[in-house]
Amino acid sequence: MYSTNCNLIKSVGMAMLVAISSFHSFAEVKENDTTLYREPYRPQYHFTPAHRWIGDPCGLIKKDGKYLAYSWGGAESNDLVHWRELNDHSIKGMPPKTSAFTGSVIADTLNSGGWGKDALVAVFTLFDNDSKKQSQAVAFSHDGGVTYQYYDQNPVLDIWSTEFRDPTVIRYEPTGKWVMAVAKALEKKVAFYESDDLKNWTWTSDFGPMGDNKRSWECPDLFQVTVEEAGEKKWVLLVSVNWAREQYFVGDFDGKKFIPDNPDSDPLYVDDGMDYYASRVFQDYDAPKNEEVTTLGWVNYWDYAQQAPSKWGKGVWSLPRNYTLYSTSDGLRLRQTPVKSLENLRGKEVKINKTYSAGTYSLPQISAMANQYEMNINLSASANDVAGFNLCVGDGRKVALSYDVATGYLTLDRTNCSDVKIKFFDRVSNSKIAEPGTRQISLRIFVDKSTIEIFAEKGKKVMTLLTYASPSQTGVEFFSQRGKTDLDLSAWPLKSIH
């Protein structure tokens, strides 16, 4: 969602997209503003807006060779890496005292809504600033998604609730219907509706509560993903929970209801780090049968999102990731892989292939990359060893990433990493990436100023976090407690996208 009142958003517990442009107007931004894009903490190869707040990625589509994403300010890309910001407000004609919260965009190629063949239609939550009511609204675009005109008969779906938000709309081809998945947040449910014309919606089913349902559900997404072993596709229902992280369910969808494969299983989480939320996948209208499923998420956490020390605004979107499903003894699981086009940012490769005795070792060639790099790592540790990396080292601070052979757990400790005091920021996160006793693991780590994304075991587990390390905290160290640890590492400095 977006709103001009962050305190209101926090008070009602909505971790949806917020686009605040109170810092500067979009017209003031210059593409060659190198000072702007070298501000402290600003990532250099993640998308951040020139001046404003961004939250949940909205309306992710590919159309006419371009990727579009909103907040509801728009951005476009040809390669998912280099982005051009279109504006800071895409939806025009909003009524007074209302705000556009999180939603999605579809290409109405059949003109089912009557706004013209190939019109892009934004479906989003309409928030009433006075009553706090949340309903679903639409807006349509005739300029390729740069701007959208608010539909004067909104809302198109209203159940008179203050906790009803974040619609994802897809086309379900077997029935020829539009399908909406929308959160009943405090009921911990995803409601499904269908429509012929994007204006009149009929309820078909509710899903939930299930899995992690302690506090809230929001930002649902519904998509199909290919199973690596079988080549078939399965439906995935993803939902953001507790204003903190994302869980997902794998199952079947018949256009009206979602049926999970394992309804009694423990919750399955998309990311085991500290800062990943409200992701959505791109709907590909250029190649609808394309099996590549790409997603973006919001890198933040509501406990401290508004306290970010960044000066340009607040909010970062993750690296784009591709989804597949892989089989385990407990069922299907999501694998996430950074998109291949990121490799075009690589500079000269640095390689390390060495056996280390017990101790902590500086890696000066990677430290020289100044927290703007990628590392691909194969680690073979001795029995019962704890080995790993210290990142963002300097001024007595660091981010510690350690792998425990005995347990198979990867632990991320950022209790002493930021050079500014941020309430609730000092945290530790764990992820089981291998069976106990596993000595060989692989990691792919992206460090980008104030963000770190870690893909373990070829993307079977992912950990995303913010750091806000000082400009002098660029050191990288390798450590092993027991020694005789083999390290095979390749690292690349990554170019700025600005």
Protein backbone atom coordinates (compact mmCIF):
# COMPACT_ATOMS: atom_id res chain seq x y z
CA MET A 1 0.00 0.00 0.00
CA TYR A 2 1.01 3.59 0.04
CA SER A 3 -0.06 6.36 2.35
CA THR A 4 1.09 9.78 3.43
CA ASN A 5 0.83 8.76 7.07
CA CYS A 6 3.36 6.16 8.14
CA ASN A 7 2.19 6.18 11.76
CA LEU A 8 -1.30 5.24 10.63
CA ILE A 9 0.08 2.35 8.62
CA LYS A 10 2.11 1.07 11.52
CA SER A 11 -0.78 1.37 13.94
CA VAL A 12 -3.06 -0.80 11.85
CA GLY A 13 -0.25 -3.27 11.20
CA MET A 14 -0.18 -3.24 7.43
CA ALA A 15 3.15 -4.22 5.95
CA MET A 16 2.16 -3.38 2.44
CA LEU A 17 3.55 -0.95 -0.07
CA VAL A 18 3.96 2.63 1.06
CA ALA A 19 4.99 5.24 -1.50
CA ILE A 20 5.78 8.49 0.24
CA SER A 21 7.17 11.24 -1.97
CA SER A 22 7.58 13.92 0.68
CA PHE A 23 11.35 14.06 0.30
CA HIS A 24 11.52 15.60 -3.19
CA SER A 25 9.30 15.65 -6.22
CA PHE A 26 10.06 13.16 -8.96
CA ALA A 27 10.69 16.01 -11.41
CA GLU A 28 13.72 17.10 -9.39
CA VAL A 29 15.60 13.85 -10.02
CA LYS A 30 18.29 13.84 -12.66
CA GLU A 31 19.59 10.62 -14.16
CA ASN A 32 23.19 11.81 -13.81
CA ASP A 33 22.75 12.71 -10.13
CA THR A 34 25.80 10.71 -9.05
CA THR A 35 25.86 12.28 -5.60
CA LEU A 36 22.32 11.05 -4.98
CA TYR A 37 23.15 7.48 -5.91
CA ARG A 38 26.29 7.46 -3.78
CA GLU A 39 24.50 8.29 -0.54
CA PRO A 40 25.46 6.25 2.54
CA TYR A 41 23.69 2.87 2.74
CA ARG A 42 22.15 3.09 -0.75
CA PRO A 43 22.48 -0.26 -2.55
CA GLN A 44 24.20 -0.04 -5.90
CA TYR A 45 22.71 -2.98 -7.79
CA HIS A 46 19.35 -3.32 -6.04
CA PHE A 47 16.45 -1.10 -7.11
CA THR A 48 15.81 1.88 -4.85
CA PRO A 49 13.75 4.94 -5.78
CA ALA A 50 15.42 8.29 -6.33
CA HIS A 51 13.50 10.04 -3.56
CA ARG A 52 10.66 8.41 -1.67
CA TRP A 53 9.51 5.42 0.31
CA ILE A 54 8.81 2.08 -1.34
CA GLY A 55 7.31 -1.02 0.19
CA ASP A 56 5.63 -4.02 -1.41
CA PRO A 57 6.39 -4.62 -5.10
CA CYS A 58 3.06 -4.26 -6.94
CA GLY A 59 1.79 -5.02 -10.42
CA LEU A 60 4.76 -7.05 -11.61
CA ILE A 61 4.30 -7.89 -15.28
CA LYS A 62 6.29 -8.40 -18.46
CA LYS A 63 4.71 -6.83 -21.54
CA ASP A 64 6.11 -5.79 -24.91
CA GLY A 65 9.63 -6.72 -23.90
CA LYS A 66 9.63 -4.67 -20.70
CA TYR A 67 9.28 -5.53 -17.04
CA LEU A 68 7.03 -3.20 -15.07
CA ALA A 69 6.89 -2.82 -11.28
CA TYR A 70 5.11 -0.35 -9.05
CA SER A 71 5.03 1.07 -5.60
CA TRP A 72 2.58 2.72 -6.88
CA GLY A 73 5.22 4.86 -8.45
CA GLY A 74 6.33 3.03 -11.58
CA ALA A 75 9.63 1.58 -12.79
CA GLU A 76 10.55 -0.38 -15.91
CA SER A 77 13.43 -2.61 -16.95
CA ASN A 78 14.61 -4.54 -19.98
CA ASP A 79 16.70 -7.03 -18.01
CA LEU A 80 15.41 -7.05 -14.38
CA VAL A 81 18.69 -5.45 -13.31
CA HIS A 82 18.78 -1.90 -14.72
CA TRP A 83 15.65 0.05 -13.81
CA ARG A 84 14.26 3.37 -15.01
CA GLU A 85 11.93 5.14 -12.63
CA LEU A 86 8.81 6.34 -14.46
CA ASN A 87 7.10 8.46 -11.81
CA ASP A 88 6.33 8.60 -8.11
CA HIS A 89 2.53 8.24 -8.51
CA SER A 90 1.10 6.19 -11.37
CA ILE A 91 -2.58 6.15 -10.43
CA LYS A 92 -4.31 9.39 -11.38
CA GLY A 93 -7.69 10.70 -10.25
CA MET A 94 -7.79 9.18 -6.79
CA PRO A 95 -10.64 10.61 -4.67
CA PRO A 96 -9.73 12.93 -1.79
CA LYS A 97 -8.81 11.28 1.49
CA THR A 98 -8.05 7.92 -0.09
CA SER A 99 -4.85 5.99 -0.71
CA ALA A 100 -3.85 3.17 -3.05
CA PHE A 101 -2.51 0.18 -1.16
CA THR A 102 -0.90 -3.01 -2.47
CA GLY A 103 -2.22 -4.72 -5.58
CA SER A 104 -1.47 -6.20 -8.98
CA VAL A 105 -1.63 -5.42 -12.70
CA ILE A 106 -3.05 -7.51 -15.54
CA ALA A 107 -3.13 -7.05 -19.31
CA ASP A 108 -6.75 -7.20 -20.45
CA THR A 109 -6.02 -8.55 -23.91
CA LEU A 110 -9.69 -9.49 -24.46
CA ASN A 111 -11.07 -6.08 -23.44
CA SER A 112 -13.24 -7.82 -20.87
CA GLY A 113 -13.39 -4.65 -18.76
CA GLY A 114 -14.31 -2.40 -21.67
CA TRP A 115 -11.31 -0.10 -21.31
CA GLY A 116 -9.79 -1.08 -24.65
CA LYS A 117 -7.93 -4.04 -26.09
CA ASP A 118 -4.60 -4.57 -24.36
CA ALA A 119 -5.34 -2.00 -21.66
CA LEU A 120 -3.34 -2.62 -18.52
CA VAL A 121 -5.56 -2.78 -15.44
CA ALA A 122 -4.34 -2.16 -11.91
CA VAL A 123 -6.34 -3.90 -9.18
CA PHE A 124 -5.48 -2.53 -5.75
CA THR A 125 -6.78 -1.88 -2.26
CA LEU A 126 -8.57 1.43 -1.84
CA PHE A 127 -8.02 2.80 1.66
CA ASP A 128 -10.38 5.37 3.12
CA ASN A 129 -8.36 7.67 5.35
CA ASP A 130 -11.31 8.59 7.58
CA SER A 131 -13.18 5.30 8.07
CA LYS A 132 -10.08 3.10 7.60
CA LYS A 133 -12.20 0.86 5.36
CA GLN A 134 -10.35 -1.26 2.80
CA SER A 135 -12.02 -2.24 -0.47
CA GLN A 136 -10.78 -3.32 -3.90
CA ALA A 137 -10.55 -0.86 -6.79
CA VAL A 138 -9.31 -0.74 -10.38
CA ALA A 139 -7.58 1.74 -12.64
CA PHE A 140 -6.71 1.39 -16.32
CA SER A 141 -3.76 2.43 -18.47
CA HIS A 142 -3.65 3.40 -22.15
CA ASP A 143 0.02 4.44 -22.21
CA GLY A 144 1.71 1.11 -21.61
CA GLY A 145 1.55 1.25 -17.84
CA VAL A 146 3.15 4.63 -17.20
CA THR A 147 -0.05 6.07 -15.73
CA TYR A 148 -3.43 4.63 -14.73
CA GLN A 149 -6.81 6.37 -14.64
CA TYR A 150 -8.93 5.69 -11.58
CA TYR A 151 -12.27 3.99 -12.45
CA ASP A 152 -15.11 6.27 -11.40
CA GLN A 153 -17.37 3.37 -10.30
CA ASN A 154 -14.93 2.08 -7.67
CA PRO A 155 -14.85 0.14 -5.44
CA VAL A 156 -15.47 -3.02 -7.43
CA LEU A 157 -15.36 -5.27 -4.34
CA ASP A 158 -16.34 -4.12 -0.88
CA ILE A 159 -17.14 -6.25 2.19
CA TRP A 160 -17.06 -3.26 4.56
CA SER A 161 -13.92 -4.35 6.37
CA THR A 162 -10.86 -2.55 7.69
CA GLU A 163 -8.74 -5.70 7.20
CA PHE A 164 -9.37 -6.73 3.58
CA ARG A 165 -6.45 -6.05 1.25
CA ASP A 166 -3.68 -6.75 -1.28
CA PRO A 167 -5.40 -8.36 -4.30
CA THR A 168 -3.55 -10.51 -6.79
CA VAL A 169 -5.50 -11.05 -10.01
CA ILE A 170 -4.69 -13.76 -12.56
CA ARG A 171 -6.40 -15.20 -15.62
CA TYR A 172 -7.54 -18.80 -15.03
CA GLU A 173 -7.67 -20.09 -18.59
CA PRO A 174 -9.61 -23.37 -18.05
CA THR A 175 -12.72 -21.41 -17.03
CA GLY A 176 -11.98 -18.16 -18.86
CA LYS A 177 -12.38 -16.22 -15.62
CA TRP A 178 -10.40 -13.58 -13.83
CA VAL A 179 -9.49 -14.81 -10.34
CA MET A 180 -8.66 -12.60 -7.38
CA ALA A 181 -6.82 -13.73 -4.26
CA VAL A 182 -7.20 -11.16 -1.46
CA ALA A 183 -6.35 -11.27 2.24
CA LYS A 184 -8.78 -11.19 5.13
CA ALA A 185 -5.86 -10.14 7.25
CA LEU A 186 -6.86 -10.71 10.87
CA GLU A 187 -8.99 -13.73 10.02
CA LYS A 188 -5.79 -15.28 8.60
CA LYS A 189 -7.55 -16.20 5.38
CA VAL A 190 -7.13 -15.74 1.65
CA ALA A 191 -10.47 -15.18 -0.09
CA PHE A 192 -10.92 -16.15 -3.74
CA TYR A 193 -13.26 -14.34 -6.13
CA GLU A 194 -13.97 -14.69 -9.85
CA SER A 195 -15.11 -12.24 -12.51
CA ASP A 196 -15.84 -11.96 -16.21
CA ASP A 197 -15.29 -8.22 -16.51
CA LEU A 198 -12.95 -7.13 -13.65
CA LYS A 199 -15.82 -5.04 -12.26
CA ASN A 200 -18.24 -7.58 -10.80
CA TRP A 201 -16.75 -10.18 -8.46
CA THR A 202 -18.26 -13.37 -6.99
CA TRP A 203 -16.86 -15.08 -3.92
CA THR A 204 -15.86 -18.72 -4.51
CA SER A 205 -13.94 -19.86 -1.38
CA ASP A 206 -11.76 -18.99 1.60
CA PHE A 207 -8.43 -20.64 2.41
CA GLY A 208 -7.06 -20.71 5.95
CA PRO A 209 -6.17 -20.32 8.71
CA MET A 210 -3.35 -22.81 8.22
CA GLY A 211 0.36 -23.08 8.92
CA ASP A 212 1.68 -19.92 10.55
CA ASN A 213 -1.41 -17.98 11.64
CA LYS A 214 -0.41 -16.25 14.84
CA ARG A 215 -1.22 -12.63 13.97
CA SER A 216 -2.07 -11.72 10.39
CA TRP A 217 -2.07 -12.71 6.73
CA GLU A 218 -1.62 -10.30 3.84
CA CYS A 219 -0.13 -9.84 0.36
CA PRO A 220 -1.24 -13.19 -1.15
CA ASP A 221 0.19 -14.35 -4.45
CA LEU A 222 -0.94 -17.32 -6.55
CA PHE A 223 1.13 -18.82 -9.37
CA GLN A 224 2.33 -22.04 -10.97
CA VAL A 225 5.89 -23.36 -10.64
CA THR A 226 7.64 -26.20 -12.47
CA VAL A 227 8.72 -29.27 -10.49
CA GLU A 228 12.35 -29.95 -11.39
CA GLU A 229 12.18 -33.75 -11.29
CA ALA A 230 8.88 -34.24 -13.08
CA GLY A 231 8.60 -31.22 -15.35
CA GLU A 232 4.97 -30.77 -14.31
CA LYS A 233 3.60 -27.61 -12.74
CA LYS A 234 2.12 -27.17 -9.29
CA TRP A 235 0.26 -24.24 -7.81
CA VAL A 236 1.87 -22.19 -5.06
CA LEU A 237 -0.08 -19.92 -2.72
CA LEU A 238 2.21 -17.48 -0.95
CA VAL A 239 1.14 -15.21 1.89
CA SER A 240 2.98 -12.72 4.11
CA VAL A 241 2.44 -13.45 7.79
CA ASN A 242 2.66 -11.57 11.07
CA TRP A 243 4.03 -8.42 9.37
CA ALA A 244 7.37 -10.25 9.46
CA ARG A 245 7.96 -13.01 6.87
CA GLU A 246 6.39 -15.14 4.13
CA GLN A 247 4.99 -18.66 4.15
CA TYR A 248 3.88 -20.72 1.18
CA PHE A 249 1.70 -23.70 0.37
CA VAL A 250 2.11 -26.09 -2.56
CA GLY A 251 -1.05 -27.67 -3.91
CA ASP A 252 -3.79 -27.60 -6.53
CA PHE A 253 -6.11 -24.83 -7.68
CA ASP A 254 -9.27 -25.37 -9.75
CA GLY A 255 -10.15 -21.73 -10.35
CA LYS A 256 -12.31 -21.56 -7.23
CA LYS A 257 -10.44 -23.07 -4.31
CA PHE A 258 -6.89 -23.92 -3.31
CA ILE A 259 -6.17 -27.39 -1.87
CA PRO A 260 -2.73 -27.82 -0.21
CA ASP A 261 -0.75 -31.02 -0.65
CA ASN A 262 0.20 -31.20 3.03
CA PRO A 263 -2.31 -29.28 5.16
CA ASP A 264 -0.87 -30.54 8.44
CA SER A 265 2.79 -29.79 7.74
CA ASP A 266 4.88 -27.27 9.63
CA PRO A 267 4.95 -23.80 8.06
CA LEU A 268 7.14 -23.43 4.97
CA TYR A 269 8.95 -20.10 4.80
CA VAL A 270 10.24 -18.36 1.68
CA ASP A 271 13.22 -16.71 3.38
CA ASP A 272 14.94 -17.52 6.68
CA GLY A 273 16.62 -14.14 7.07
CA MET A 274 15.40 -11.03 8.83
CA ASP A 275 14.19 -8.75 6.05
CA TYR A 276 12.10 -10.25 3.26
CA TYR A 277 8.39 -9.63 2.80
CA ALA A 278 5.44 -9.03 0.45
CA SER A 279 6.96 -10.57 -2.66
CA ARG A 280 5.11 -11.09 -5.94
CA VAL A 281 5.89 -12.86 -9.20
CA PHE A 282 5.97 -11.31 -12.66
CA GLN A 283 3.09 -12.26 -14.95
CA ASP A 284 4.60 -12.76 -18.41
CA TYR A 285 2.24 -11.56 -21.17
CA ASP A 286 4.90 -11.86 -23.86
CA ALA A 287 5.33 -15.60 -23.32
CA PRO A 288 2.47 -16.90 -21.14
CA LYS A 289 3.77 -20.47 -21.32
CA ASN A 290 7.24 -19.45 -20.18
CA GLU A 291 8.23 -21.76 -17.33
CA GLU A 292 10.54 -19.19 -15.76
CA VAL A 293 8.87 -17.68 -12.69
CA THR A 294 10.55 -14.53 -11.39
CA THR A 295 9.85 -12.72 -8.15
CA LEU A 296 10.75 -9.55 -6.23
CA GLY A 297 10.33 -8.91 -2.52
CA TRP A 298 10.51 -5.99 -0.09
CA VAL A 299 13.75 -5.97 1.91
CA ASN A 300 12.61 -4.64 5.26
CA TYR A 301 10.85 -5.45 8.53
CA TRP A 302 8.07 -3.42 10.08
CA ASP A 303 9.68 -3.24 13.54
CA TYR A 304 12.24 -0.76 12.19
CA ALA A 305 11.24 0.07 8.61
CA GLN A 306 10.50 3.68 9.46
CA GLN A 307 13.78 4.10 11.37
CA ALA A 308 16.05 3.38 8.41
CA PRO A 309 18.93 5.89 8.40
CA SER A 310 18.85 6.28 4.61
CA LYS A 311 18.50 9.84 3.31
CA TRP A 312 17.03 9.23 -0.17
CA GLY A 313 13.88 7.68 1.31
CA LYS A 314 13.18 4.26 2.76
CA GLY A 315 12.79 0.89 1.12
CA VAL A 316 14.74 -1.57 -1.04
CA TRP A 317 13.56 -4.29 -3.41
CA SER A 318 15.35 -7.61 -3.45
CA LEU A 319 17.39 -9.09 -6.24
CA PRO A 320 15.06 -10.73 -8.76
CA ARG A 321 14.88 -14.47 -8.16
CA ASN A 322 13.62 -17.40 -10.21
CA TYR A 323 11.45 -20.08 -8.60
CA THR A 324 11.40 -23.82 -9.18
CA LEU A 325 10.08 -26.64 -7.00
CA TYR A 326 12.22 -29.59 -5.94
CA SER A 327 11.23 -32.85 -4.29
CA THR A 328 12.05 -33.85 -0.71
CA SER A 329 10.89 -36.71 1.48
CA ASP A 330 8.49 -34.24 3.11
CA GLY A 331 7.04 -32.85 -0.11
CA LEU A 332 7.82 -30.15 -2.64
CA ARG A 333 9.87 -27.10 -1.68
CA LEU A 334 10.68 -23.79 -3.38
CA ARG A 335 14.15 -23.20 -4.76
CA GLN A 336 15.22 -19.59 -5.44
CA THR A 337 17.97 -18.67 -7.87
CA PRO A 338 19.18 -15.13 -8.67
CA VAL A 339 18.38 -14.20 -12.27
CA LYS A 340 21.24 -14.85 -14.68
CA SER A 341 21.32 -11.26 -15.99
CA LEU A 342 22.96 -10.22 -12.70
CA GLU A 343 26.13 -11.87 -14.00
CA ASN A 344 26.47 -9.01 -16.51
CA LEU A 345 27.46 -6.76 -13.60
CA ARG A 346 30.51 -8.83 -12.72
CA GLY A 347 33.98 -7.35 -12.82
CA LYS A 348 37.31 -9.19 -12.63
CA GLU A 349 37.10 -12.52 -10.84
CA VAL A 350 39.05 -13.24 -7.65
CA LYS A 351 39.64 -16.91 -6.80
CA ILE A 352 40.68 -18.56 -3.55
CA ASN A 353 41.33 -22.30 -3.29
CA LYS A 354 43.02 -23.11 -0.02
CA THR A 355 42.98 -25.31 3.07
CA TYR A 356 42.78 -23.32 6.32
CA SER A 357 43.88 -24.28 9.80
CA ALA A 358 41.91 -23.07 12.82
CA GLY A 359 41.72 -19.28 13.05
CA THR A 360 40.33 -16.13 11.44
CA TYR A 361 41.77 -14.90 8.15
CA SER A 362 41.35 -11.60 6.35
CA LEU A 363 40.40 -11.72 2.66
CA PRO A 364 41.81 -8.38 1.45
CA GLN A 365 40.99 -8.83 -2.25
CA ILE A 366 37.29 -9.11 -1.42
CA SER A 367 37.45 -6.41 1.23
CA ALA A 368 38.70 -4.09 -1.52
CA MET A 369 35.35 -4.54 -3.31
CA ALA A 370 33.82 -2.22 -0.70
CA ASN A 371 30.62 -4.14 0.13
CA GLN A 372 29.59 -4.38 -3.51
CA TYR A 373 30.27 -7.93 -4.61
CA GLU A 374 29.13 -11.50 -5.20
CA MET A 375 30.81 -14.61 -3.75
CA ASN A 376 30.29 -18.21 -4.89
CA ILE A 377 31.56 -20.61 -2.24
CA ASN A 378 32.13 -24.32 -1.84
CA LEU A 379 33.10 -25.18 1.71
CA SER A 380 34.37 -28.53 3.00
CA ALA A 381 34.77 -28.43 6.75
CA SER A 382 36.24 -30.94 9.17
CA ALA A 383 33.98 -33.01 11.42
CA ASN A 384 32.18 -30.94 14.06
CA ASP A 385 33.68 -27.73 12.74
CA VAL A 386 32.00 -24.33 12.83
CA ALA A 387 33.23 -22.30 9.89
CA GLY A 388 32.07 -19.26 7.98
CA PHE A 389 32.54 -15.62 7.13
CA ASN A 390 32.59 -12.27 8.84
CA LEU A 391 31.14 -9.65 6.49
CA CYS A 392 31.04 -5.85 6.79
CA VAL A 393 33.96 -5.95 9.23
CA GLY A 394 35.30 -2.71 10.68
CA ASP A 395 35.12 -0.29 13.59
CA GLY A 396 34.62 -3.22 15.96
CA ARG A 397 31.50 -4.40 14.10
CA LYS A 398 30.61 -7.23 11.71
CA VAL A 399 27.95 -9.57 10.34
CA ALA A 400 28.82 -13.16 11.27
CA LEU A 401 27.72 -16.05 9.06
CA SER A 402 28.61 -19.47 10.48
CA TYR A 403 27.92 -23.06 9.45
CA ASP A 404 27.79 -25.75 12.14
CA VAL A 405 28.65 -29.18 10.72
CA ALA A 406 27.21 -31.00 13.74
CA THR A 407 23.73 -29.52 13.32
CA GLY A 408 23.59 -28.56 9.64
CA TYR A 409 22.48 -25.04 10.61
CA LEU A 410 23.58 -21.76 9.08
CA THR A 411 23.50 -18.92 11.62
CA LEU A 412 23.37 -15.23 10.75
CA ASP A 413 24.31 -12.82 13.54
CA ARG A 414 23.94 -9.09 13.03
CA THR A 415 23.72 -8.09 16.69
CA ASN A 416 26.66 -5.74 16.16
CA CYS A 417 26.72 -4.57 12.56
CA SER A 418 25.01 -1.17 12.19
CA ASP A 419 26.85 2.08 12.81
CA VAL A 420 23.61 3.68 14.01
CA LYS A 421 21.33 2.58 16.82
CA ILE A 422 18.10 1.11 15.43
CA LYS A 423 15.52 -0.25 17.86
CA PHE A 424 14.82 -4.00 17.44
CA PHE A 425 17.54 -4.28 14.78
CA ASP A 426 20.00 -6.51 16.70
CA ARG A 427 18.95 -10.02 15.71
CA VAL A 428 20.14 -13.56 15.04
CA SER A 429 18.60 -15.88 12.43
CA ASN A 430 19.07 -19.59 11.75
CA SER A 431 18.38 -21.88 8.80
CA LYS A 432 18.80 -25.64 8.54
CA ILE A 433 20.53 -26.01 5.19
CA ALA A 434 21.82 -29.61 5.48
CA GLU A 435 21.49 -32.79 7.50
CA PRO A 436 23.55 -32.99 10.72
CA GLY A 437 27.11 -34.06 9.99
CA THR A 438 27.14 -32.67 6.43
CA ARG A 439 30.63 -31.32 5.83
CA GLN A 440 30.30 -29.91 2.32
CA ILE A 441 28.01 -26.98 1.56
CA SER A 442 27.65 -24.30 -1.10
CA LEU A 443 26.81 -20.63 -0.62
CA ARG A 444 26.19 -17.75 -2.98
CA ILE A 445 26.39 -14.39 -1.23
CA PHE A 446 25.49 -10.94 -2.55
CA VAL A 447 26.63 -7.94 -0.51
CA ASP A 448 25.37 -4.54 -1.63
CA LYS A 449 26.15 -1.75 0.84
CA SER A 450 23.28 -2.10 3.34
CA THR A 451 21.84 -5.39 2.04
CA ILE A 452 22.99 -9.01 2.05
CA GLU A 453 21.29 -11.94 0.29
CA ILE A 454 22.54 -15.48 0.92
CA PHE A 455 21.53 -18.43 -1.26
CA ALA A 456 22.52 -21.71 0.41
CA GLU A 457 22.73 -25.11 -1.26
CA LYS A 458 21.86 -23.77 -4.71
CA GLY A 459 18.93 -21.76 -3.44
CA LYS A 460 17.21 -24.38 -1.29
CA LYS A 461 17.45 -21.91 1.57
CA VAL A 462 17.72 -18.12 1.39
CA MET A 463 18.53 -15.51 4.02
CA THR A 464 18.02 -11.79 3.35
CA LEU A 465 18.97 -8.95 5.68
CA LEU A 466 19.75 -5.27 6.04
CA THR A 467 22.98 -4.17 7.70
CA TYR A 468 23.47 -0.36 7.63
CA ALA A 469 27.20 -0.86 8.06
CA SER A 470 29.36 2.26 7.98
CA PRO A 471 31.33 3.09 4.80
CA SER A 472 34.49 1.92 6.57
CA GLN A 473 33.02 -1.51 7.40
CA THR A 474 34.14 -3.28 4.25
CA GLY A 475 36.29 -6.08 5.64
CA VAL A 476 35.72 -9.74 4.80
CA GLU A 477 37.10 -12.61 6.89
CA PHE A 478 36.99 -16.38 6.78
CA PHE A 479 37.11 -18.39 9.99
CA SER A 480 37.28 -22.01 11.11
CA GLN A 481 37.18 -23.26 14.70
CA ARG A 482 38.73 -26.69 14.18
CA GLY A 483 40.72 -26.18 11.00
CA LYS A 484 41.58 -28.32 7.97
CA THR A 485 38.79 -26.59 6.14
CA ASP A 486 38.88 -26.48 2.35
CA LEU A 487 37.63 -23.23 0.81
CA ASP A 488 36.94 -22.93 -2.93
CA LEU A 489 35.73 -19.38 -3.59
CA SER A 490 35.12 -17.12 -6.56
CA ALA A 491 34.24 -13.46 -6.04
CA TRP A 492 33.41 -10.58 -8.36
CA PRO A 493 32.96 -6.87 -7.78
CA LEU A 494 29.54 -5.90 -9.14
CA LYS A 495 29.00 -2.71 -11.13
CA SER A 496 26.51 -0.10 -10.04
CA ILE A 497 23.28 0.04 -12.04
CA HIS A 498 23.17 3.84 -11.67
